[in-house]
Amino acid sequence: MPDDHTLLAPAGNDPDRIDMQSDAAVAEWARRMDIDETRLRAAVAAVGDRATDVARHLAGGGAAPA
């Protein structure tokens, strides 16, 4: 699992959102989280597009309460 500092989005984007409409962003986030794109898409479908929630979900902690 990546260090927290690797969960920052490229400049100009919301730093904690994964842009699922952009193939390049999906590929970059999958690379940063060291997972494949299919697993990233499934995690986003489960917990939403916040990178911290996705990372927590992938680590087995589920999403943060709203």
PDB file of N, CA and C in Angstrom:
ATOM      1  N   MET A   1       0.850  -1.175   0.000  1.00  0.00           N
ATOM      2  CA  MET A   1       0.000   0.000   0.000  1.00  0.00           C
ATOM      3  C   MET A   1       0.895   1.236   0.000  1.00  0.00           C
ATOM      4  N   PRO A   2       0.508   2.279  -0.679  1.00  0.00           N
ATOM      5  CA  PRO A   2       1.349   3.466  -0.821  1.00  0.00           C
ATOM      6  C   PRO A   2       1.391   4.300   0.445  1.00  0.00           C
ATOM      7  N   ASP A   3       2.429   5.127   0.559  1.00  0.00           N
ATOM      8  CA  ASP A   3       2.486   6.120   1.620  1.00  0.00           C
ATOM      9  C   ASP A   3       1.415   7.161   1.347  1.00  0.00           C
ATOM     10  N   ASP A   4       0.940   7.849   2.403  1.00  0.00           N
ATOM     11  CA  ASP A   4      -0.111   8.848   2.238  1.00  0.00           C
ATOM     12  C   ASP A   4       0.262   9.942   1.251  1.00  0.00           C
ATOM     13  N   HIS A   5       1.544  10.329   1.180  1.00  0.00           N
ATOM     14  CA  HIS A   5       1.932  11.411   0.275  1.00  0.00           C
ATOM     15  C   HIS A   5       1.778  11.034  -1.193  1.00  0.00           C
ATOM     16  N   THR A   6       1.650   9.758  -1.496  1.00  0.00           N
ATOM     17  CA  THR A   6       1.475   9.352  -2.890  1.00  0.00           C
ATOM     18  C   THR A   6       0.026   9.451  -3.331  1.00  0.00           C
ATOM     19  N   LEU A   7      -0.883   9.808  -2.413  1.00  0.00           N
ATOM     20  CA  LEU A   7      -2.290   9.893  -2.762  1.00  0.00           C
ATOM     21  C   LEU A   7      -2.678  11.286  -3.247  1.00  0.00           C
ATOM     22  N   LEU A   8      -1.705  12.120  -3.557  1.00  0.00           N
ATOM     23  CA  LEU A   8      -1.995  13.448  -4.081  1.00  0.00           C
ATOM     24  C   LEU A   8      -2.194  13.379  -5.581  1.00  0.00           C
ATOM     25  N   ALA A   9      -3.246  14.020  -6.048  1.00  0.00           N
ATOM     26  CA  ALA A   9      -3.565  14.036  -7.477  1.00  0.00           C
ATOM     27  C   ALA A   9      -2.616  14.970  -8.218  1.00  0.00           C
ATOM     28  N   PRO A  10      -2.508  14.804  -9.523  1.00  0.00           N
ATOM     29  CA  PRO A  10      -1.716  15.741 -10.326  1.00  0.00           C
ATOM     30  C   PRO A  10      -2.223  17.163 -10.147  1.00  0.00           C
ATOM     31  N   ALA A  11      -1.355  18.127 -10.344  1.00  0.00           N
ATOM     32  CA  ALA A  11      -1.697  19.538 -10.168  1.00  0.00           C
ATOM     33  C   ALA A  11      -2.963  19.902 -10.930  1.00  0.00           C
ATOM     34  N   GLY A  12      -3.801  20.717 -10.316  1.00  0.00           N
ATOM     35  CA  GLY A  12      -5.016  21.179 -10.973  1.00  0.00           C
ATOM     36  C   GLY A  12      -6.235  20.325 -10.692  1.00  0.00           C
ATOM     37  N   ASN A  13      -6.057  19.181 -10.062  1.00  0.00           N
ATOM     38  CA  ASN A  13      -7.175  18.300  -9.744  1.00  0.00           C
ATOM     39  C   ASN A  13      -7.422  18.313  -8.245  1.00  0.00           C
ATOM     40  N   ASP A  14      -8.648  17.969  -7.842  1.00  0.00           N
ATOM     41  CA  ASP A  14      -8.948  17.805  -6.429  1.00  0.00           C
ATOM     42  C   ASP A  14      -7.985  16.742  -5.913  1.00  0.00           C
ATOM     43  N   PRO A  15      -7.205  17.054  -4.896  1.00  0.00           N
ATOM     44  CA  PRO A  15      -6.131  16.147  -4.484  1.00  0.00           C
ATOM     45  C   PRO A  15      -6.584  14.807  -3.926  1.00  0.00           C
ATOM     46  N   ASP A  16      -7.861  14.667  -3.608  1.00  0.00           N
ATOM     47  CA  ASP A  16      -8.313  13.410  -3.024  1.00  0.00           C
ATOM     48  C   ASP A  16      -9.398  12.744  -3.863  1.00  0.00           C
ATOM     49  N   ARG A  17      -9.507  13.102  -5.122  1.00  0.00           N
ATOM     50  CA  ARG A  17     -10.522  12.496  -5.989  1.00  0.00           C
ATOM     51  C   ARG A  17      -9.861  11.759  -7.139  1.00  0.00           C
ATOM     52  N   ILE A  18     -10.423  10.631  -7.485  1.00  0.00           N
ATOM     53  CA  ILE A  18      -9.943   9.843  -8.621  1.00  0.00           C
ATOM     54  C   ILE A  18     -10.900  10.100  -9.777  1.00  0.00           C
ATOM     55  N   ASP A  19     -10.409  10.693 -10.841  1.00  0.00           N
ATOM     56  CA  ASP A  19     -11.230  11.023 -12.012  1.00  0.00           C
ATOM     57  C   ASP A  19     -11.429   9.759 -12.842  1.00  0.00           C
ATOM     58  N   MET A  20     -12.552   9.097 -12.633  1.00  0.00           N
ATOM     59  CA  MET A  20     -12.819   7.836 -13.307  1.00  0.00           C
ATOM     60  C   MET A  20     -13.186   8.034 -14.773  1.00  0.00           C
ATOM     61  N   GLN A  21     -13.376   9.270 -15.209  1.00  0.00           N
ATOM     62  CA  GLN A  21     -13.684   9.547 -16.613  1.00  0.00           C
ATOM     63  C   GLN A  21     -12.409   9.648 -17.448  1.00  0.00           C
ATOM     64  N   SER A  22     -11.274   9.711 -16.793  1.00  0.00           N
ATOM     65  CA  SER A  22      -9.997   9.855 -17.483  1.00  0.00           C
ATOM     66  C   SER A  22      -9.206   8.554 -17.403  1.00  0.00           C
ATOM     67  N   ASP A  23      -8.979   7.926 -18.557  1.00  0.00           N
ATOM     68  CA  ASP A  23      -8.188   6.694 -18.577  1.00  0.00           C
ATOM     69  C   ASP A  23      -6.789   6.919 -18.021  1.00  0.00           C
ATOM     70  N   ALA A  24      -6.220   8.087 -18.317  1.00  0.00           N
ATOM     71  CA  ALA A  24      -4.877   8.392 -17.818  1.00  0.00           C
ATOM     72  C   ALA A  24      -4.872   8.507 -16.295  1.00  0.00           C
ATOM     73  N   ALA A  25      -5.905   9.144 -15.733  1.00  0.00           N
ATOM     74  CA  ALA A  25      -5.984   9.285 -14.277  1.00  0.00           C
ATOM     75  C   ALA A  25      -6.188   7.921 -13.624  1.00  0.00           C
ATOM     76  N   VAL A  26      -7.038   7.098 -14.201  1.00  0.00           N
ATOM     77  CA  VAL A  26      -7.265   5.760 -13.657  1.00  0.00           C
ATOM     78  C   VAL A  26      -5.960   4.971 -13.676  1.00  0.00           C
ATOM     79  N   ALA A  27      -5.246   5.025 -14.774  1.00  0.00           N
ATOM     80  CA  ALA A  27      -3.972   4.312 -14.872  1.00  0.00           C
ATOM     81  C   ALA A  27      -2.970   4.835 -13.848  1.00  0.00           C
ATOM     82  N   GLU A  28      -2.915   6.144 -13.679  1.00  0.00           N
ATOM     83  CA  GLU A  28      -1.979   6.736 -12.717  1.00  0.00           C
ATOM     84  C   GLU A  28      -2.331   6.358 -11.283  1.00  0.00           C
ATOM     85  N   TRP A  29      -3.601   6.436 -10.920  1.00  0.00           N
ATOM     86  CA  TRP A  29      -3.994   6.058  -9.565  1.00  0.00           C
ATOM     87  C   TRP A  29      -3.761   4.565  -9.318  1.00  0.00           C
ATOM     88  N   ALA A  30      -4.026   3.738 -10.300  1.00  0.00           N
ATOM     89  CA  ALA A  30      -3.771   2.302 -10.145  1.00  0.00           C
ATOM     90  C   ALA A  30      -2.277   2.061  -9.920  1.00  0.00           C
ATOM     91  N   ARG A  31      -1.445   2.771 -10.674  1.00  0.00           N
ATOM     92  CA  ARG A  31       0.002   2.643 -10.503  1.00  0.00           C
ATOM     93  C   ARG A  31       0.409   3.100  -9.108  1.00  0.00           C
ATOM     94  N   ARG A  32      -0.096   4.233  -8.670  1.00  0.00           N
ATOM     95  CA  ARG A  32       0.257   4.770  -7.350  1.00  0.00           C
ATOM     96  C   ARG A  32      -0.180   3.843  -6.221  1.00  0.00           C
ATOM     97  N   MET A  33      -1.308   3.169  -6.412  1.00  0.00           N
ATOM     98  CA  MET A  33      -1.820   2.275  -5.365  1.00  0.00           C
ATOM     99  C   MET A  33      -1.316   0.845  -5.544  1.00  0.00           C
ATOM    100  N   ASP A  34      -0.535   0.632  -6.593  1.00  0.00           N
ATOM    101  CA  ASP A  34       0.069  -0.670  -6.876  1.00  0.00           C
ATOM    102  C   ASP A  34      -0.991  -1.766  -7.032  1.00  0.00           C
ATOM    103  N   ILE A  35      -2.027  -1.436  -7.824  1.00  0.00           N
ATOM    104  CA  ILE A  35      -3.099  -2.384  -8.129  1.00  0.00           C
ATOM    105  C   ILE A  35      -3.427  -2.264  -9.609  1.00  0.00           C
ATOM    106  N   ASP A  36      -4.226  -3.204 -10.129  1.00  0.00           N
ATOM    107  CA  ASP A  36      -4.621  -3.074 -11.534  1.00  0.00           C
ATOM    108  C   ASP A  36      -5.868  -2.190 -11.638  1.00  0.00           C
ATOM    109  N   GLU A  37      -6.142  -1.725 -12.836  1.00  0.00           N
ATOM    110  CA  GLU A  37      -7.245  -0.797 -13.058  1.00  0.00           C
ATOM    111  C   GLU A  37      -8.598  -1.420 -12.719  1.00  0.00           C
ATOM    112  N   THR A  38      -8.761  -2.703 -12.964  1.00  0.00           N
ATOM    113  CA  THR A  38     -10.021  -3.378 -12.646  1.00  0.00           C
ATOM    114  C   THR A  38     -10.284  -3.330 -11.146  1.00  0.00           C
ATOM    115  N   ARG A  39      -9.258  -3.579 -10.363  1.00  0.00           N
ATOM    116  CA  ARG A  39      -9.411  -3.538  -8.907  1.00  0.00           C
ATOM    117  C   ARG A  39      -9.698  -2.108  -8.437  1.00  0.00           C
ATOM    118  N   LEU A  40      -9.051  -1.125  -9.054  1.00  0.00           N
ATOM    119  CA  LEU A  40      -9.314   0.270  -8.712  1.00  0.00           C
ATOM    120  C   LEU A  40     -10.771   0.623  -9.014  1.00  0.00           C
ATOM    121  N   ARG A  41     -11.241   0.241 -10.206  1.00  0.00           N
ATOM    122  CA  ARG A  41     -12.630   0.545 -10.574  1.00  0.00           C
ATOM    123  C   ARG A  41     -13.616  -0.118  -9.606  1.00  0.00           C
ATOM    124  N   ALA A  42     -13.344  -1.335  -9.193  1.00  0.00           N
ATOM    125  CA  ALA A  42     -14.218  -2.028  -8.241  1.00  0.00           C
ATOM    126  C   ALA A  42     -14.212  -1.331  -6.886  1.00  0.00           C
ATOM    127  N   ALA A  43     -13.050  -0.880  -6.449  1.00  0.00           N
ATOM    128  CA  ALA A  43     -12.953  -0.179  -5.166  1.00  0.00           C
ATOM    129  C   ALA A  43     -13.703   1.144  -5.218  1.00  0.00           C
ATOM    130  N   VAL A  44     -13.557   1.888  -6.309  1.00  0.00           N
ATOM    131  CA  VAL A  44     -14.286   3.158  -6.459  1.00  0.00           C
ATOM    132  C   VAL A  44     -15.792   2.901  -6.487  1.00  0.00           C
ATOM    133  N   ALA A  45     -16.213   1.838  -7.149  1.00  0.00           N
ATOM    134  CA  ALA A  45     -17.638   1.498  -7.173  1.00  0.00           C
ATOM    135  C   ALA A  45     -18.146   1.181  -5.766  1.00  0.00           C
ATOM    136  N   ALA A  46     -17.288   0.602  -4.941  1.00  0.00           N
ATOM    137  CA  ALA A  46     -17.688   0.209  -3.588  1.00  0.00           C
ATOM    138  C   ALA A  46     -17.730   1.382  -2.609  1.00  0.00           C
ATOM    139  N   VAL A  47     -16.757   2.303  -2.719  1.00  0.00           N
ATOM    140  CA  VAL A  47     -16.641   3.339  -1.681  1.00  0.00           C
ATOM    141  C   VAL A  47     -16.629   4.768  -2.194  1.00  0.00           C
ATOM    142  N   GLY A  48     -16.675   4.974  -3.505  1.00  0.00           N
ATOM    143  CA  GLY A  48     -16.639   6.326  -4.045  1.00  0.00           C
ATOM    144  C   GLY A  48     -15.251   6.689  -4.545  1.00  0.00           C
ATOM    145  N   ASP A  49     -15.120   7.927  -5.035  1.00  0.00           N
ATOM    146  CA  ASP A  49     -13.889   8.312  -5.727  1.00  0.00           C
ATOM    147  C   ASP A  49     -12.853   9.038  -4.882  1.00  0.00           C
ATOM    148  N   ARG A  50     -13.050   9.114  -3.576  1.00  0.00           N
ATOM    149  CA  ARG A  50     -12.030   9.714  -2.709  1.00  0.00           C
ATOM    150  C   ARG A  50     -10.866   8.737  -2.556  1.00  0.00           C
ATOM    151  N   ALA A  51      -9.676   9.195  -2.892  1.00  0.00           N
ATOM    152  CA  ALA A  51      -8.497   8.328  -2.864  1.00  0.00           C
ATOM    153  C   ALA A  51      -8.234   7.755  -1.473  1.00  0.00           C
ATOM    154  N   THR A  52      -8.447   8.548  -0.438  1.00  0.00           N
ATOM    155  CA  THR A  52      -8.210   8.040   0.912  1.00  0.00           C
ATOM    156  C   THR A  52      -9.191   6.925   1.263  1.00  0.00           C
ATOM    157  N   ASP A  53     -10.451   7.056   0.826  1.00  0.00           N
ATOM    158  CA  ASP A  53     -11.430   5.996   1.075  1.00  0.00           C
ATOM    159  C   ASP A  53     -11.079   4.736   0.292  1.00  0.00           C
ATOM    160  N   VAL A  54     -10.641   4.920  -0.949  1.00  0.00           N
ATOM    161  CA  VAL A  54     -10.247   3.765  -1.769  1.00  0.00           C
ATOM    162  C   VAL A  54      -9.054   3.057  -1.134  1.00  0.00           C
ATOM    163  N   ALA A  55      -8.055   3.807  -0.707  1.00  0.00           N
ATOM    164  CA  ALA A  55      -6.878   3.203  -0.078  1.00  0.00           C
ATOM    165  C   ALA A  55      -7.272   2.453   1.195  1.00  0.00           C
ATOM    166  N   ARG A  56      -8.147   3.051   1.996  1.00  0.00           N
ATOM    167  CA  ARG A  56      -8.603   2.408   3.233  1.00  0.00           C
ATOM    168  C   ARG A  56      -9.360   1.122   2.902  1.00  0.00           C
ATOM    169  N   HIS A  57     -10.215   1.178   1.895  1.00  0.00           N
ATOM    170  CA  HIS A  57     -10.978   0.005   1.468  1.00  0.00           C
ATOM    171  C   HIS A  57     -10.042  -1.117   1.017  1.00  0.00           C
ATOM    172  N   LEU A  58      -9.048  -0.763   0.226  1.00  0.00           N
ATOM    173  CA  LEU A  58      -8.107  -1.763  -0.275  1.00  0.00           C
ATOM    174  C   LEU A  58      -7.280  -2.376   0.854  1.00  0.00           C
ATOM    175  N   ALA A  59      -7.079  -1.607   1.910  1.00  0.00           N
ATOM    176  CA  ALA A  59      -6.326  -2.107   3.058  1.00  0.00           C
ATOM    177  C   ALA A  59      -7.211  -2.931   3.994  1.00  0.00           C
ATOM    178  N   GLY A  60      -8.512  -2.997   3.671  1.00  0.00           N
ATOM    179  CA  GLY A  60      -9.423  -3.801   4.471  1.00  0.00           C
ATOM    180  C   GLY A  60     -10.177  -3.026   5.521  1.00  0.00           C
ATOM    181  N   GLY A  61     -10.076  -1.695   5.492  1.00  0.00           N
ATOM    182  CA  GLY A  61     -10.729  -0.893   6.515  1.00  0.00           C
ATOM    183  C   GLY A  61     -12.070  -0.317   6.122  1.00  0.00           C
ATOM    184  N   GLY A  62     -12.511  -0.510   4.885  1.00  0.00           N
ATOM    185  CA  GLY A  62     -13.779   0.082   4.443  1.00  0.00           C
ATOM    186  C   GLY A  62     -13.653   1.578   4.276  1.00  0.00           C
ATOM    187  N   ALA A  63     -14.755   2.235   3.987  1.00  0.00           N
ATOM    188  CA  ALA A  63     -14.765   3.687   3.787  1.00  0.00           C
ATOM    189  C   ALA A  63     -14.920   4.395   5.122  1.00  0.00           C
ATOM    190  N   ALA A  64     -14.477   5.638   5.162  1.00  0.00           N
ATOM    191  CA  ALA A  64     -14.653   6.467   6.349  1.00  0.00           C
ATOM    192  C   ALA A  64     -16.121   6.842   6.471  1.00  0.00           C
ATOM    193  N   PRO A  65     -16.602   6.976   7.705  1.00  0.00           N
ATOM    194  CA  PRO A  65     -17.993   7.403   7.864  1.00  0.00           C
ATOM    195  C   PRO A  65     -18.201   8.812   7.324  1.00  0.00           C
ATOM    196  N   ALA A  66     -19.362   9.071   6.769  1.00  0.00           N
ATOM    197  CA  ALA A  66     -19.647  10.393   6.184  1.00  0.00           C
ATOM    198  C   ALA A  66     -20.001  11.402   7.247  1.00  0.00           C
TER     199      ALA A  66
END
